[in-house]
Protein backbone atom coordinates (compact mmCIF):
# COMPACT_ATOMS: atom_id res chain seq x y z
CA MET A 1 116.68 93.97 66.76
CA GLU A 2 117.46 94.23 63.06
CA MET A 3 117.55 97.80 61.78
CA GLN A 4 116.08 98.42 58.32
CA PRO A 5 117.44 101.10 55.94
CA GLY A 6 115.90 104.50 56.61
CA GLN A 7 115.06 103.73 60.26
CA MET A 8 118.12 105.44 61.77
CA ALA A 9 116.23 108.70 62.46
CA TYR A 10 113.57 106.81 64.40
CA ASP A 11 116.29 104.91 66.22
CA ARG A 12 117.92 108.08 67.51
CA ALA A 13 114.90 110.21 68.38
CA ILE A 14 112.89 109.33 71.49
CA THR A 15 109.98 111.58 70.45
CA VAL A 16 109.48 110.17 66.93
CA PHE A 17 107.44 107.07 66.18
CA SER A 18 108.66 104.77 63.43
CA PRO A 19 106.22 104.11 60.56
CA ASP A 20 105.13 100.88 62.25
CA GLY A 21 104.34 102.67 65.53
CA ARG A 22 107.46 101.85 67.56
CA LEU A 23 109.66 103.91 69.86
CA PHE A 24 113.03 102.27 69.46
CA GLN A 25 114.64 103.91 72.49
CA VAL A 26 111.90 102.49 74.72
CA GLU A 27 112.51 99.05 73.25
CA TYR A 28 116.23 99.43 73.93
CA ALA A 29 115.41 100.37 77.53
CA ARG A 30 113.44 97.12 77.83
CA GLU A 31 116.53 95.32 76.53
CA ALA A 32 118.56 96.91 79.35
CA VAL A 33 116.08 95.37 81.79
CA ARG A 34 116.38 91.96 80.13
CA ARG A 35 120.16 92.16 80.54
CA GLY A 36 119.81 92.99 84.23
CA ALA A 37 119.77 90.67 87.21
CA THR A 38 116.63 88.62 87.85
CA THR A 39 114.12 89.70 90.49
CA ALA A 40 110.87 88.11 91.65
CA GLY A 41 107.93 88.92 93.88
CA VAL A 42 105.23 86.71 95.42
CA VAL A 43 102.11 87.88 97.26
CA TYR A 44 101.16 85.96 100.40
CA ALA A 45 98.25 86.22 102.82
CA ASP A 46 99.20 89.54 104.43
CA GLY A 47 102.32 90.69 102.60
CA VAL A 48 104.80 90.36 99.75
CA ALA A 49 108.11 88.49 99.42
CA LEU A 50 110.71 90.10 97.14
CA VAL A 51 113.90 88.38 96.00
CA ALA A 52 116.73 89.57 93.77
CA ASP A 53 119.99 88.23 92.39
CA ARG A 54 122.73 90.73 93.20
CA ARG A 55 125.40 89.45 90.75
CA ILE A 56 128.21 90.53 93.03
CA PRO A 57 131.52 91.29 91.26
CA ASN A 58 134.58 90.13 93.22
CA PRO A 59 132.58 88.66 96.15
CA GLY A 60 135.66 88.58 98.35
CA LEU A 61 136.20 92.34 98.06
CA ALA A 62 132.78 93.95 97.51
CA GLU A 63 130.77 95.30 100.45
CA LEU A 64 127.39 93.57 100.20
CA ALA A 65 125.51 96.48 101.77
CA SER A 66 126.48 98.70 98.82
CA LEU A 67 124.87 96.35 96.28
CA GLU A 68 121.23 96.38 97.35
CA LYS A 69 118.64 95.50 94.70
CA ILE A 70 115.67 95.64 97.09
CA HIS A 71 114.82 99.02 98.60
CA LEU A 72 112.35 100.20 101.21
CA ILE A 73 110.25 103.10 99.87
CA ASP A 74 108.03 103.61 102.93
CA GLU A 75 107.16 101.59 106.01
CA HIS A 76 104.63 99.60 103.99
CA ILE A 77 106.11 99.59 100.46
CA ALA A 78 109.30 98.12 99.02
CA CYS A 79 110.64 97.53 95.52
CA ALA A 80 113.03 95.19 93.74
CA THR A 81 114.97 96.61 90.79
CA ALA A 82 116.24 95.08 87.53
CA GLY A 83 118.26 96.89 84.88
CA LEU A 84 120.55 99.91 85.17
CA VAL A 85 121.43 100.38 88.84
CA ALA A 86 121.89 104.16 88.61
CA ASP A 87 118.49 104.61 86.94
CA ALA A 88 116.89 102.51 89.66
CA ARG A 89 118.49 104.62 92.38
CA VAL A 90 117.00 107.81 90.90
CA LEU A 91 113.53 106.23 90.76
CA VAL A 92 113.78 104.95 94.33
CA ASP A 93 114.77 108.42 95.58
CA TYR A 94 111.82 109.91 93.65
CA ALA A 95 109.43 107.31 95.10
CA ARG A 96 110.61 107.94 98.66
CA LEU A 97 110.08 111.67 98.23
CA ALA A 98 106.60 111.11 96.78
CA ALA A 99 105.71 108.89 99.75
CA GLN A 100 106.81 111.52 102.26
CA ILE A 101 104.99 114.33 100.40
CA ASN A 102 101.80 112.26 100.53
CA ARG A 103 102.17 111.81 104.31
CA VAL A 104 102.76 115.52 104.89
CA THR A 105 99.97 116.62 102.54
CA TYR A 106 97.25 114.13 103.48
CA SER A 107 98.43 112.83 106.89
CA GLU A 108 98.22 109.25 105.65
CA PRO A 109 100.51 106.75 103.91
CA ILE A 110 100.35 106.53 100.14
CA SER A 111 98.62 103.45 98.68
CA VAL A 112 100.70 100.85 96.85
CA GLU A 113 98.82 101.39 93.59
CA LEU A 114 99.17 105.16 93.72
CA MET A 115 102.90 104.79 94.38
CA ALA A 116 103.28 102.50 91.38
CA ARG A 117 101.34 104.97 89.23
CA ARG A 118 103.48 107.89 90.41
CA ILE A 119 106.63 105.99 89.43
CA CYS A 120 105.15 105.08 86.05
CA ASP A 121 104.00 108.66 85.40
CA TYR A 122 107.59 109.78 86.05
CA LYS A 123 108.95 107.10 83.71
CA GLN A 124 106.46 107.96 81.00
CA GLN A 125 107.55 111.61 80.95
CA TYR A 126 110.97 110.42 79.79
CA THR A 127 109.45 108.93 76.64
CA GLN A 128 107.88 112.21 75.45
CA PHE A 129 110.61 114.86 75.39
CA GLY A 130 113.75 115.35 73.36
CA GLY A 131 117.13 115.47 75.07
CA VAL A 132 116.30 112.71 77.56
CA ARG A 133 116.20 108.93 77.44
CA PRO A 134 113.89 106.36 79.07
CA PHE A 135 114.81 104.78 82.38
CA GLY A 136 116.49 101.45 81.68
CA THR A 137 115.08 99.75 84.74
CA ALA A 138 111.96 97.85 85.82
CA LEU A 139 110.69 97.92 89.38
CA LEU A 140 108.59 95.36 91.21
CA VAL A 141 106.66 97.49 93.71
CA GLY A 142 104.99 95.56 96.52
CA GLY A 143 103.40 96.25 99.88
CA PHE A 144 100.16 96.57 101.81
CA ASP A 145 97.58 99.27 102.48
CA GLU A 146 93.93 99.57 103.51
CA GLY A 147 92.89 97.95 100.23
CA GLY A 148 94.97 94.82 100.76
CA VAL A 149 98.29 93.44 99.54
CA ARG A 150 99.46 94.53 96.09
CA LEU A 151 102.37 93.80 93.74
CA PHE A 152 103.02 95.80 90.56
CA GLU A 153 105.56 95.59 87.76
CA THR A 154 106.56 98.94 86.28
CA GLU A 155 108.14 98.97 82.80
CA PRO A 156 110.46 101.52 81.12
CA SER A 157 107.57 102.71 78.93
CA GLY A 158 105.62 103.79 82.01
CA SER A 159 103.07 100.98 81.91
CA LEU A 160 102.23 98.96 85.00
CA THR A 161 100.60 95.61 85.67
CA SER A 162 99.37 94.07 88.92
CA PHE A 163 100.45 90.49 89.68
CA ARG A 164 100.10 87.91 92.42
CA ALA A 165 103.52 86.53 91.49
CA THR A 166 105.91 87.80 88.86
CA SER A 167 109.52 88.10 87.77
CA THR A 168 111.48 90.61 85.73
CA GLY A 169 115.05 91.07 84.56
CA GLY A 170 117.21 88.50 82.83
CA ASN A 171 115.75 85.14 81.82
CA LYS A 172 112.49 85.58 83.71
CA GLY A 173 110.63 82.97 81.62
CA PRO A 174 111.43 79.90 83.76
CA ALA A 175 110.38 81.74 86.92
CA MET A 176 107.07 82.81 85.39
CA GLU A 177 106.36 79.25 84.25
CA LEU A 178 106.97 77.97 87.77
CA PHE A 179 104.73 80.64 89.33
CA GLU A 180 101.90 79.76 86.92
CA GLN A 181 102.16 76.13 87.97
CA LYS A 182 102.73 76.42 91.72
CA TYR A 183 101.29 79.72 92.96
CA ARG A 184 98.13 79.54 95.06
CA PRO A 185 96.27 82.20 97.04
CA ASN A 186 96.78 82.70 100.78
CA LEU A 187 100.34 81.39 101.00
CA ASP A 188 102.10 82.05 104.28
CA SER A 189 105.31 84.08 104.32
CA GLU A 190 107.62 81.05 104.41
CA ASP A 191 105.95 79.38 101.43
CA ALA A 192 106.06 82.65 99.50
CA VAL A 193 109.80 83.04 100.12
CA LEU A 194 110.40 79.43 99.08
CA LEU A 195 108.40 79.85 95.88
CA ALA A 196 110.16 83.11 95.01
CA LEU A 197 113.58 81.54 95.62
CA GLU A 198 112.70 78.47 93.56
CA GLY A 199 111.59 80.70 90.70
CA LEU A 200 114.76 82.74 90.92
CA ARG A 201 116.89 79.59 90.96
CA ARG A 202 115.23 78.36 87.76
CA SER A 203 116.16 81.62 86.04
CA LEU A 204 119.83 81.69 87.05
CA GLU A 205 122.60 80.24 84.92
CA ASP A 206 124.35 78.88 88.02
CA THR A 207 121.45 77.12 89.73
CA THR A 208 123.66 75.71 92.48
CA ASN A 209 124.62 79.10 93.92
CA LEU A 210 122.05 81.26 95.69
CA GLY A 211 124.60 82.85 98.00
CA GLN A 212 124.24 86.27 96.36
CA VAL A 213 120.45 86.46 96.64
CA GLU A 214 118.72 89.27 98.53
CA VAL A 215 115.35 88.62 100.23
CA LEU A 216 112.89 90.99 101.88
CA THR A 217 109.39 90.40 103.22
CA ILE A 218 106.95 93.17 104.04
CA ASP A 219 103.64 92.55 105.82
CA ARG A 220 101.21 94.01 108.33
CA GLU A 221 102.39 91.97 111.30
CA ARG A 222 106.16 92.39 111.11
CA GLY A 223 106.62 95.30 108.72
CA ALA A 224 109.65 95.17 106.42
CA ARG A 225 112.13 92.42 107.24
CA ARG A 226 115.37 91.83 105.33
CA LEU A 227 116.59 88.24 105.69
CA GLY A 228 120.20 87.58 106.68
CA ALA A 229 122.53 85.31 104.72
CA GLU A 230 122.20 82.40 107.17
CA GLU A 231 118.41 82.57 107.16
CA ILE A 232 118.35 82.66 103.35
CA GLN A 233 120.51 79.55 103.18
CA LYS A 234 118.10 77.74 105.49
CA TYR A 235 115.35 78.45 102.96
CA VAL A 236 117.62 77.36 100.10
CA ALA A 237 118.22 74.04 101.85
CA ARG A 238 114.44 73.43 101.86
CA LEU A 239 114.02 73.94 98.09
CA PRO A 240 113.03 70.87 96.05
CA PRO A 241 115.84 69.16 94.14
CA ILE A 242 116.84 70.76 90.86
CA GLY A 243 115.01 69.03 88.04
CA ALA A 244 112.09 67.91 90.20
CA LYS A 245 108.79 68.04 88.34
CA PRO A 246 106.80 71.07 89.56
CA GLY A 247 103.27 70.54 90.78
CA ARG A 248 100.62 72.55 92.53
CA ALA A 249 101.07 72.35 96.29
């Protein structure tokens, strides 16, 4: 972003709009998301498949369990995070607390949409007050409730959008193009995982290596299920060849 003379005050202050109606710190938070690892989510018949690139530093030394990008919020809701890891951890902790408060207060699980709105309300507060900064992370919040299966993308500004298939983080464009071409309603869980992995592969610089990918499915029948490395590689082996022309299945 090119900074014009006289814009420095608007650049530094989160609570001050620039003359053209921009909050620069919120835009910089979006840039932090774009520099983060790629994540994707795909809705299927009775659940959601979430995938994330973990970008593991020093794979031979790092403990994989300490580098989770997909988190369980409640028994029926999970999220995939892109952007600043520490910011994402704070939001996940907040979301888990909100889910438990809802259960204690109303004796029922929180809906997926209400959870996404609670997270976005919390994010939006950090765009209104001095002395704080926006959260530099975007969450894909997916799960099921009495209203059906839902998937939301939450942005640093506090806005949210519902999708049937989406991607966020670094270089999400190729994944979104693939989803627009190949997504169809009422996928089964295996097809949803394959589509999410194919989209993620298109967005990665090293398209031959999906060994660092994290995958979780969450649905009514089996609940939340985190796939192991061997199972993920079986899915990877079923992906169409790189460069194959996409078409609607």
